[in-house]
Amino acid sequence: MLDKIALTLLIIGGLNWGLVGIFSFDLVAWLFGGTGALLSRLVYILVALAAAWCITLLFREPARAEIH
C-alpha cells in the first residue's frame, strides 16, 4: 500500500514538473497559495519523501505470486 501511495505522489510531482517545464506553471503552488505557502511546501516535501521511498523499489526482489 505504501508503494502505491509513494508512486501516486511521484506521479503528481512528475506531472507538476512537466507543467513547470512546458508552460512555466506550477499547479501545486497555484492550488495552495504560492511556492512558499505551508501547504505547497508540505506537498513538495511529501513528493520528495515519496521519491526517496521509490528508490527502494529499484533494489527489491520482485514479489512472486504463490500458486496453490
PDB file of N, CA and C in Angstrom:
ATOM      1  N   MET A   1       0.825  -1.196   0.000  1.00  0.00           N
ATOM      2  CA  MET A   1       0.000   0.000   0.000  1.00  0.00           C
ATOM      3  C   MET A   1       0.871   1.263   0.000  1.00  0.00           C
ATOM      4  N   LEU A   2       1.936   1.248   0.809  1.00  0.00           N
ATOM      5  CA  LEU A   2       2.830   2.396   0.872  1.00  0.00           C
ATOM      6  C   LEU A   2       3.497   2.651  -0.477  1.00  0.00           C
ATOM      7  N   ASP A   3       3.798   1.573  -1.187  1.00  0.00           N
ATOM      8  CA  ASP A   3       4.393   1.719  -2.520  1.00  0.00           C
ATOM      9  C   ASP A   3       3.446   2.447  -3.470  1.00  0.00           C
ATOM     10  N   LYS A   4       2.172   2.120  -3.415  1.00  0.00           N
ATOM     11  CA  LYS A   4       1.194   2.759  -4.302  1.00  0.00           C
ATOM     12  C   LYS A   4       1.006   4.234  -3.956  1.00  0.00           C
ATOM     13  N   ILE A   5       1.003   4.550  -2.667  1.00  0.00           N
ATOM     14  CA  ILE A   5       0.892   5.947  -2.258  1.00  0.00           C
ATOM     15  C   ILE A   5       2.107   6.728  -2.741  1.00  0.00           C
ATOM     16  N   ALA A   6       3.294   6.146  -2.552  1.00  0.00           N
ATOM     17  CA  ALA A   6       4.525   6.813  -2.981  1.00  0.00           C
ATOM     18  C   ALA A   6       4.535   7.009  -4.492  1.00  0.00           C
ATOM     19  N   LEU A   7       4.120   5.998  -5.235  1.00  0.00           N
ATOM     20  CA  LEU A   7       4.083   6.134  -6.694  1.00  0.00           C
ATOM     21  C   LEU A   7       3.073   7.187  -7.131  1.00  0.00           C
ATOM     22  N   THR A   8       1.939   7.260  -6.460  1.00  0.00           N
ATOM     23  CA  THR A   8       0.936   8.279  -6.777  1.00  0.00           C
ATOM     24  C   THR A   8       1.491   9.678  -6.547  1.00  0.00           C
ATOM     25  N   LEU A   9       2.157   9.877  -5.411  1.00  0.00           N
ATOM     26  CA  LEU A   9       2.759  11.172  -5.133  1.00  0.00           C
ATOM     27  C   LEU A   9       3.856  11.511  -6.136  1.00  0.00           C
ATOM     28  N   LEU A  10       4.618  10.502  -6.533  1.00  0.00           N
ATOM     29  CA  LEU A  10       5.678  10.722  -7.508  1.00  0.00           C
ATOM     30  C   LEU A  10       5.104  11.100  -8.871  1.00  0.00           C
ATOM     31  N   ILE A  11       3.997  10.503  -9.243  1.00  0.00           N
ATOM     32  CA  ILE A  11       3.324  10.852 -10.497  1.00  0.00           C
ATOM     33  C   ILE A  11       2.826  12.294 -10.436  1.00  0.00           C
ATOM     34  N   ILE A  12       2.232  12.678  -9.304  1.00  0.00           N
ATOM     35  CA  ILE A  12       1.771  14.063  -9.137  1.00  0.00           C
ATOM     36  C   ILE A  12       2.943  15.022  -9.284  1.00  0.00           C
ATOM     37  N   GLY A  13       4.051  14.706  -8.636  1.00  0.00           N
ATOM     38  CA  GLY A  13       5.232  15.554  -8.730  1.00  0.00           C
ATOM     39  C   GLY A  13       5.776  15.628 -10.145  1.00  0.00           C
ATOM     40  N   GLY A  14       5.808  14.488 -10.824  1.00  0.00           N
ATOM     41  CA  GLY A  14       6.300  14.472 -12.201  1.00  0.00           C
ATOM     42  C   GLY A  14       5.423  15.282 -13.140  1.00  0.00           C
ATOM     43  N   LEU A  15       4.126  15.158 -12.980  1.00  0.00           N
ATOM     44  CA  LEU A  15       3.213  15.937 -13.815  1.00  0.00           C
ATOM     45  C   LEU A  15       3.344  17.428 -13.522  1.00  0.00           C
ATOM     46  N   ASN A  16       3.524  17.763 -12.245  1.00  0.00           N
ATOM     47  CA  ASN A  16       3.706  19.171 -11.889  1.00  0.00           C
ATOM     48  C   ASN A  16       4.990  19.713 -12.516  1.00  0.00           C
ATOM     49  N   TRP A  17       6.089  18.947 -12.451  1.00  0.00           N
ATOM     50  CA  TRP A  17       7.336  19.391 -13.078  1.00  0.00           C
ATOM     51  C   TRP A  17       7.185  19.509 -14.587  1.00  0.00           C
ATOM     52  N   GLY A  18       6.389  18.631 -15.176  1.00  0.00           N
ATOM     53  CA  GLY A  18       6.117  18.741 -16.609  1.00  0.00           C
ATOM     54  C   GLY A  18       5.409  20.043 -16.944  1.00  0.00           C
ATOM     55  N   LEU A  19       4.431  20.408 -16.121  1.00  0.00           N
ATOM     56  CA  LEU A  19       3.730  21.676 -16.324  1.00  0.00           C
ATOM     57  C   LEU A  19       4.679  22.863 -16.162  1.00  0.00           C
ATOM     58  N   VAL A  20       5.571  22.775 -15.185  1.00  0.00           N
ATOM     59  CA  VAL A  20       6.545  23.847 -14.982  1.00  0.00           C
ATOM     60  C   VAL A  20       7.466  23.952 -16.192  1.00  0.00           C
ATOM     61  N   GLY A  21       7.938  22.820 -16.681  1.00  0.00           N
ATOM     62  CA  GLY A  21       8.861  22.825 -17.809  1.00  0.00           C
ATOM     63  C   GLY A  21       8.236  23.261 -19.117  1.00  0.00           C
ATOM     64  N   ILE A  22       7.012  22.843 -19.364  1.00  0.00           N
ATOM     65  CA  ILE A  22       6.365  23.145 -20.644  1.00  0.00           C
ATOM     66  C   ILE A  22       5.688  24.515 -20.637  1.00  0.00           C
ATOM     67  N   PHE A  23       4.973  24.815 -19.558  1.00  0.00           N
ATOM     68  CA  PHE A  23       4.149  26.023 -19.527  1.00  0.00           C
ATOM     69  C   PHE A  23       4.582  27.057 -18.485  1.00  0.00           C
ATOM     70  N   SER A  24       5.640  26.786 -17.745  1.00  0.00           N
ATOM     71  CA  SER A  24       6.062  27.650 -16.631  1.00  0.00           C
ATOM     72  C   SER A  24       4.901  27.868 -15.648  1.00  0.00           C
ATOM     73  N   PHE A  25       4.164  26.796 -15.381  1.00  0.00           N
ATOM     74  CA  PHE A  25       3.002  26.858 -14.500  1.00  0.00           C
ATOM     75  C   PHE A  25       3.135  25.807 -13.416  1.00  0.00           C
ATOM     76  N   ASP A  26       3.214  26.241 -12.170  1.00  0.00           N
ATOM     77  CA  ASP A  26       3.324  25.342 -11.021  1.00  0.00           C
ATOM     78  C   ASP A  26       1.925  25.126 -10.443  1.00  0.00           C
ATOM     79  N   LEU A  27       1.322  23.998 -10.759  1.00  0.00           N
ATOM     80  CA  LEU A  27      -0.047  23.701 -10.336  1.00  0.00           C
ATOM     81  C   LEU A  27      -0.154  23.615  -8.819  1.00  0.00           C
ATOM     82  N   VAL A  28       0.824  23.003  -8.168  1.00  0.00           N
ATOM     83  CA  VAL A  28       0.791  22.886  -6.704  1.00  0.00           C
ATOM     84  C   VAL A  28       0.790  24.272  -6.065  1.00  0.00           C
ATOM     85  N   ALA A  29       1.677  25.134  -6.523  1.00  0.00           N
ATOM     86  CA  ALA A  29       1.736  26.492  -5.979  1.00  0.00           C
ATOM     87  C   ALA A  29       0.439  27.238  -6.258  1.00  0.00           C
ATOM     88  N   TRP A  30      -0.111  27.048  -7.439  1.00  0.00           N
ATOM     89  CA  TRP A  30      -1.362  27.730  -7.797  1.00  0.00           C
ATOM     90  C   TRP A  30      -2.517  27.264  -6.913  1.00  0.00           C
ATOM     91  N   LEU A  31      -2.572  25.962  -6.648  1.00  0.00           N
ATOM     92  CA  LEU A  31      -3.659  25.421  -5.833  1.00  0.00           C
ATOM     93  C   LEU A  31      -3.556  25.814  -4.364  1.00  0.00           C
ATOM     94  N   PHE A  32      -2.319  25.909  -3.858  1.00  0.00           N
ATOM     95  CA  PHE A  32      -2.156  26.065  -2.420  1.00  0.00           C
ATOM     96  C   PHE A  32      -1.568  27.399  -1.988  1.00  0.00           C
ATOM     97  N   GLY A  33      -1.547  28.403  -2.859  1.00  0.00           N
ATOM     98  CA  GLY A  33      -1.199  29.745  -2.432  1.00  0.00           C
ATOM     99  C   GLY A  33       0.239  30.174  -2.612  1.00  0.00           C
ATOM    100  N   GLY A  34       0.927  29.646  -3.592  1.00  0.00           N
ATOM    101  CA  GLY A  34       2.303  30.057  -3.859  1.00  0.00           C
ATOM    102  C   GLY A  34       3.315  29.026  -3.398  1.00  0.00           C
ATOM    103  N   THR A  35       4.541  29.169  -3.897  1.00  0.00           N
ATOM    104  CA  THR A  35       5.568  28.168  -3.587  1.00  0.00           C
ATOM    105  C   THR A  35       6.001  28.206  -2.128  1.00  0.00           C
ATOM    106  N   GLY A  36       5.843  29.339  -1.472  1.00  0.00           N
ATOM    107  CA  GLY A  36       6.240  29.449  -0.077  1.00  0.00           C
ATOM    108  C   GLY A  36       5.143  29.115   0.913  1.00  0.00           C
ATOM    109  N   ALA A  37       3.942  28.871   0.424  1.00  0.00           N
ATOM    110  CA  ALA A  37       2.819  28.564   1.314  1.00  0.00           C
ATOM    111  C   ALA A  37       3.049  27.223   2.011  1.00  0.00           C
ATOM    112  N   LEU A  38       2.565  27.127   3.218  1.00  0.00           N
ATOM    113  CA  LEU A  38       2.770  25.928   4.019  1.00  0.00           C
ATOM    114  C   LEU A  38       2.256  24.672   3.314  1.00  0.00           C
ATOM    115  N   LEU A  39       1.062  24.735   2.746  1.00  0.00           N
ATOM    116  CA  LEU A  39       0.512  23.551   2.074  1.00  0.00           C
ATOM    117  C   LEU A  39       1.318  23.167   0.842  1.00  0.00           C
ATOM    118  N   SER A  40       1.779  24.144   0.088  1.00  0.00           N
ATOM    119  CA  SER A  40       2.618  23.856  -1.073  1.00  0.00           C
ATOM    120  C   SER A  40       3.908  23.179  -0.638  1.00  0.00           C
ATOM    121  N   ARG A  41       4.528  23.728   0.387  1.00  0.00           N
ATOM    122  CA  ARG A  41       5.776  23.140   0.875  1.00  0.00           C
ATOM    123  C   ARG A  41       5.549  21.731   1.389  1.00  0.00           C
ATOM    124  N   LEU A  42       4.410  21.491   2.023  1.00  0.00           N
ATOM    125  CA  LEU A  42       4.082  20.151   2.512  1.00  0.00           C
ATOM    126  C   LEU A  42       3.963  19.171   1.342  1.00  0.00           C
ATOM    127  N   VAL A  43       3.294  19.595   0.271  1.00  0.00           N
ATOM    128  CA  VAL A  43       3.172  18.734  -0.910  1.00  0.00           C
ATOM    129  C   VAL A  43       4.551  18.455  -1.502  1.00  0.00           C
ATOM    130  N   TYR A  44       5.396  19.478  -1.616  1.00  0.00           N
ATOM    131  CA  TYR A  44       6.742  19.281  -2.159  1.00  0.00           C
ATOM    132  C   TYR A  44       7.537  18.306  -1.295  1.00  0.00           C
ATOM    133  N   ILE A  45       7.412  18.421   0.028  1.00  0.00           N
ATOM    134  CA  ILE A  45       8.125  17.522   0.938  1.00  0.00           C
ATOM    135  C   ILE A  45       7.614  16.096   0.796  1.00  0.00           C
ATOM    136  N   LEU A  46       6.296  15.929   0.697  1.00  0.00           N
ATOM    137  CA  LEU A  46       5.725  14.580   0.533  1.00  0.00           C
ATOM    138  C   LEU A  46       6.178  13.947  -0.776  1.00  0.00           C
ATOM    139  N   VAL A  47       6.238  14.736  -1.837  1.00  0.00           N
ATOM    140  CA  VAL A  47       6.708  14.214  -3.123  1.00  0.00           C
ATOM    141  C   VAL A  47       8.171  13.803  -3.019  1.00  0.00           C
ATOM    142  N   ALA A  48       8.979  14.604  -2.339  1.00  0.00           N
ATOM    143  CA  ALA A  48      10.391  14.260  -2.163  1.00  0.00           C
ATOM    144  C   ALA A  48      10.562  12.984  -1.340  1.00  0.00           C
ATOM    145  N   LEU A  49       9.783  12.838  -0.281  1.00  0.00           N
ATOM    146  CA  LEU A  49       9.835  11.615   0.518  1.00  0.00           C
ATOM    147  C   LEU A  49       9.384  10.403  -0.287  1.00  0.00           C
ATOM    148  N   ALA A  50       8.366  10.604  -1.120  1.00  0.00           N
ATOM    149  CA  ALA A  50       7.892   9.525  -1.983  1.00  0.00           C
ATOM    150  C   ALA A  50       8.977   9.110  -2.972  1.00  0.00           C
ATOM    151  N   ALA A  51       9.686  10.083  -3.510  1.00  0.00           N
ATOM    152  CA  ALA A  51      10.772   9.777  -4.441  1.00  0.00           C
ATOM    153  C   ALA A  51      11.868   8.986  -3.740  1.00  0.00           C
ATOM    154  N   ALA A  52      12.211   9.393  -2.524  1.00  0.00           N
ATOM    155  CA  ALA A  52      13.226   8.655  -1.765  1.00  0.00           C
ATOM    156  C   ALA A  52      12.757   7.233  -1.494  1.00  0.00           C
ATOM    157  N   TRP A  53      11.481   7.060  -1.164  1.00  0.00           N
ATOM    158  CA  TRP A  53      10.934   5.723  -0.921  1.00  0.00           C
ATOM    159  C   TRP A  53      10.996   4.879  -2.201  1.00  0.00           C
ATOM    160  N   CYS A  54      10.681   5.485  -3.326  1.00  0.00           N
ATOM    161  CA  CYS A  54      10.647   4.734  -4.589  1.00  0.00           C
ATOM    162  C   CYS A  54      12.038   4.273  -5.028  1.00  0.00           C
ATOM    163  N   ILE A  55      13.081   4.888  -4.509  1.00  0.00           N
ATOM    164  CA  ILE A  55      14.428   4.391  -4.791  1.00  0.00           C
ATOM    165  C   ILE A  55      14.554   2.945  -4.324  1.00  0.00           C
ATOM    166  N   THR A  56      13.891   2.620  -3.213  1.00  0.00           N
ATOM    167  CA  THR A  56      13.971   1.251  -2.693  1.00  0.00           C
ATOM    168  C   THR A  56      13.351   0.241  -3.654  1.00  0.00           C
ATOM    169  N   LEU A  57      12.432   0.701  -4.501  1.00  0.00           N
ATOM    170  CA  LEU A  57      11.806  -0.214  -5.464  1.00  0.00           C
ATOM    171  C   LEU A  57      12.825  -0.771  -6.454  1.00  0.00           C
ATOM    172  N   LEU A  58      13.864  -0.010  -6.706  1.00  0.00           N
ATOM    173  CA  LEU A  58      14.891  -0.452  -7.653  1.00  0.00           C
ATOM    174  C   LEU A  58      15.702  -1.629  -7.133  1.00  0.00           C
ATOM    175  N   PHE A  59      15.767  -1.783  -5.819  1.00  0.00           N
ATOM    176  CA  PHE A  59      16.642  -2.781  -5.221  1.00  0.00           C
ATOM    177  C   PHE A  59      15.905  -3.944  -4.582  1.00  0.00           C
ATOM    178  N   ARG A  60      14.608  -3.976  -4.698  1.00  0.00           N
ATOM    179  CA  ARG A  60      13.825  -5.064  -4.123  1.00  0.00           C
ATOM    180  C   ARG A  60      13.698  -6.227  -5.098  1.00  0.00           C
ATOM    181  N   GLU A  61      13.610  -7.395  -4.527  1.00  0.00           N
ATOM    182  CA  GLU A  61      13.317  -8.570  -5.348  1.00  0.00           C
ATOM    183  C   GLU A  61      11.843  -8.523  -5.728  1.00  0.00           C
ATOM    184  N   PRO A  62      11.531  -8.909  -6.954  1.00  0.00           N
ATOM    185  CA  PRO A  62      10.116  -8.911  -7.347  1.00  0.00           C
ATOM    186  C   PRO A  62       9.329  -9.938  -6.525  1.00  0.00           C
ATOM    187  N   ALA A  63       8.134  -9.525  -6.113  1.00  0.00           N
ATOM    188  CA  ALA A  63       7.269 -10.438  -5.361  1.00  0.00           C
ATOM    189  C   ALA A  63       6.741 -11.500  -6.317  1.00  0.00           C
ATOM    190  N   ARG A  64       6.734 -12.714  -5.827  1.00  0.00           N
ATOM    191  CA  ARG A  64       6.232 -13.819  -6.644  1.00  0.00           C
ATOM    192  C   ARG A  64       4.922 -14.333  -6.064  1.00  0.00           C
ATOM    193  N   ALA A  65       3.956 -14.463  -6.918  1.00  0.00           N
ATOM    194  CA  ALA A  65       2.658 -14.976  -6.501  1.00  0.00           C
ATOM    195  C   ALA A  65       2.778 -16.484  -6.325  1.00  0.00           C
ATOM    196  N   GLU A  66       2.280 -16.979  -5.202  1.00  0.00           N
ATOM    197  CA  GLU A  66       2.305 -18.416  -4.975  1.00  0.00           C
ATOM    198  C   GLU A  66       1.088 -19.056  -5.623  1.00  0.00           C
ATOM    199  N   ILE A  67       1.320 -20.127  -6.330  1.00  0.00           N
ATOM    200  CA  ILE A  67       0.237 -20.842  -6.994  1.00  0.00           C
ATOM    201  C   ILE A  67      -0.045 -22.105  -6.173  1.00  0.00           C
ATOM    202  N   HIS A  68      -1.291 -22.237  -5.771  1.00  0.00           N
ATOM    203  CA  HIS A  68      -1.685 -23.414  -4.976  1.00  0.00           C
ATOM    204  C   HIS A  68      -2.464 -24.369  -5.804  1.00  0.00           C
TER     205      HIS A  68
END
